[in-house]
Amino acid sequence: MKSGDLKSMTLDQLDDQLARLKKEQFNLRFQKASGQLENTSRVRQVRRDIARVLTLAGQKRGGSSSAAAAKSKSGA
């Protein structure tokens, strides 16, 4: 999934996309455990897509947590 596509989504759409990706991740783990997983690279793609969605959702909700952590460490 392209980050440009995700940037144009609303928070509700990002939450829906996150739910779909988590469901797919669960199904991929289940297939791997049962020995039926054919496309092993999809596990990595889904994991990175989840991280992308979470990052953009956090930014849209009010800023990234890393920026808040940096402020608290600097004492500001």
C-alpha atoms as a PDB file:
ATOM      1  CA  MET A   1       0.000   0.000   0.000  1.00  0.00           C
ATOM      2  CA  LYS A   2       1.317   3.415  -0.935  1.00  0.00           C
ATOM      3  CA  SER A   3       1.634   6.059   1.754  1.00  0.00           C
ATOM      4  CA  GLY A   4       0.093   8.598  -0.639  1.00  0.00           C
ATOM      5  CA  ASP A   5      -3.095   6.561  -0.687  1.00  0.00           C
ATOM      6  CA  LEU A   6      -3.140   6.450   3.096  1.00  0.00           C
ATOM      7  CA  LYS A   7      -2.545  10.186   3.485  1.00  0.00           C
ATOM      8  CA  SER A   8      -5.752  10.950   1.618  1.00  0.00           C
ATOM      9  CA  MET A   9      -7.835   8.767   3.958  1.00  0.00           C
ATOM     10  CA  THR A  10      -9.824  10.037   6.936  1.00  0.00           C
ATOM     11  CA  LEU A  11      -9.312   8.709  10.449  1.00  0.00           C
ATOM     12  CA  ASP A  12     -12.333   6.422  10.129  1.00  0.00           C
ATOM     13  CA  GLN A  13     -11.002   4.994   6.890  1.00  0.00           C
ATOM     14  CA  LEU A  14      -7.576   4.479   8.477  1.00  0.00           C
ATOM     15  CA  ASP A  15      -9.190   2.643  11.392  1.00  0.00           C
ATOM     16  CA  ASP A  16     -11.094   0.410   8.956  1.00  0.00           C
ATOM     17  CA  GLN A  17      -7.918  -0.264   6.989  1.00  0.00           C
ATOM     18  CA  LEU A  18      -6.087  -1.116  10.211  1.00  0.00           C
ATOM     19  CA  ALA A  19      -8.793  -3.620  11.150  1.00  0.00           C
ATOM     20  CA  ARG A  20      -8.554  -5.267   7.711  1.00  0.00           C
ATOM     21  CA  LEU A  21      -4.772  -5.477   7.928  1.00  0.00           C
ATOM     22  CA  LYS A  22      -4.843  -6.954  11.431  1.00  0.00           C
ATOM     23  CA  LYS A  23      -7.355  -9.567  10.268  1.00  0.00           C
ATOM     24  CA  GLU A  24      -5.138 -10.410   7.307  1.00  0.00           C
ATOM     25  CA  GLN A  25      -2.122 -10.639   9.605  1.00  0.00           C
ATOM     26  CA  PHE A  26      -3.995 -13.087  11.833  1.00  0.00           C
ATOM     27  CA  ASN A  27      -4.975 -15.207   8.838  1.00  0.00           C
ATOM     28  CA  LEU A  28      -1.396 -15.218   7.552  1.00  0.00           C
ATOM     29  CA  ARG A  29      -0.080 -16.339  10.946  1.00  0.00           C
ATOM     30  CA  PHE A  30      -2.681 -19.087  11.021  1.00  0.00           C
ATOM     31  CA  GLN A  31      -1.703 -20.241   7.523  1.00  0.00           C
ATOM     32  CA  LYS A  32       1.972 -20.228   8.509  1.00  0.00           C
ATOM     33  CA  ALA A  33       1.299 -22.336  11.579  1.00  0.00           C
ATOM     34  CA  SER A  34      -0.678 -24.876   9.580  1.00  0.00           C
ATOM     35  CA  GLY A  35       1.907 -24.989   6.780  1.00  0.00           C
ATOM     36  CA  GLN A  36      -0.381 -23.526   4.116  1.00  0.00           C
ATOM     37  CA  LEU A  37       1.331 -20.154   3.636  1.00  0.00           C
ATOM     38  CA  GLU A  38       2.625 -19.786   0.093  1.00  0.00           C
ATOM     39  CA  ASN A  39       3.584 -16.113  -0.123  1.00  0.00           C
ATOM     40  CA  THR A  40       5.833 -15.603   2.891  1.00  0.00           C
ATOM     41  CA  SER A  41       6.787 -12.065   1.893  1.00  0.00           C
ATOM     42  CA  ARG A  42       3.183 -10.952   2.433  1.00  0.00           C
ATOM     43  CA  VAL A  43       3.679 -11.269   6.208  1.00  0.00           C
ATOM     44  CA  ARG A  44       6.357  -8.580   6.095  1.00  0.00           C
ATOM     45  CA  GLN A  45       4.317  -6.347   3.784  1.00  0.00           C
ATOM     46  CA  VAL A  46       1.273  -6.497   6.052  1.00  0.00           C
ATOM     47  CA  ARG A  47       3.360  -5.779   9.148  1.00  0.00           C
ATOM     48  CA  ARG A  48       4.847  -2.685   7.509  1.00  0.00           C
ATOM     49  CA  ASP A  49       1.452  -1.533   6.232  1.00  0.00           C
ATOM     50  CA  ILE A  50       0.108  -1.758   9.786  1.00  0.00           C
ATOM     51  CA  ALA A  51       2.979   0.405  11.011  1.00  0.00           C
ATOM     52  CA  ARG A  52       2.312   2.901   8.205  1.00  0.00           C
ATOM     53  CA  VAL A  53      -1.376   3.155   9.099  1.00  0.00           C
ATOM     54  CA  LEU A  54      -0.653   3.540  12.810  1.00  0.00           C
ATOM     55  CA  THR A  55       1.908   6.274  12.130  1.00  0.00           C
ATOM     56  CA  LEU A  56      -0.411   8.288   9.899  1.00  0.00           C
ATOM     57  CA  ALA A  57      -3.356   7.840  12.259  1.00  0.00           C
ATOM     58  CA  GLY A  58      -1.240   9.106  15.149  1.00  0.00           C
ATOM     59  CA  GLN A  59      -0.144  12.123  13.156  1.00  0.00           C
ATOM     60  CA  LYS A  60      -3.721  12.962  12.193  1.00  0.00           C
ATOM     61  CA  ARG A  61      -4.954  12.558  15.775  1.00  0.00           C
ATOM     62  CA  GLY A  62      -2.655  15.234  17.111  1.00  0.00           C
ATOM     63  CA  GLY A  63       0.995  14.693  16.444  1.00  0.00           C
ATOM     64  CA  SER A  64       3.431  11.875  16.710  1.00  0.00           C
ATOM     65  CA  SER A  65       4.310  10.374  20.053  1.00  0.00           C
ATOM     66  CA  SER A  66       8.019  10.604  19.225  1.00  0.00           C
ATOM     67  CA  ALA A  67       7.777  14.404  19.134  1.00  0.00           C
ATOM     68  CA  ALA A  68       6.111  14.401  22.550  1.00  0.00           C
ATOM     69  CA  ALA A  69       8.775  12.073  23.903  1.00  0.00           C
ATOM     70  CA  ALA A  70      11.527  14.339  22.576  1.00  0.00           C
ATOM     71  CA  LYS A  71       9.960  17.345  24.315  1.00  0.00           C
ATOM     72  CA  SER A  72       9.716  15.534  27.631  1.00  0.00           C
ATOM     73  CA  LYS A  73      13.345  14.396  27.464  1.00  0.00           C
ATOM     74  CA  SER A  74      14.606  17.908  26.743  1.00  0.00           C
ATOM     75  CA  GLY A  75      12.722  19.260  29.750  1.00  0.00           C
ATOM     76  CA  ALA A  76      10.555  21.641  27.751  1.00  0.00           C
END
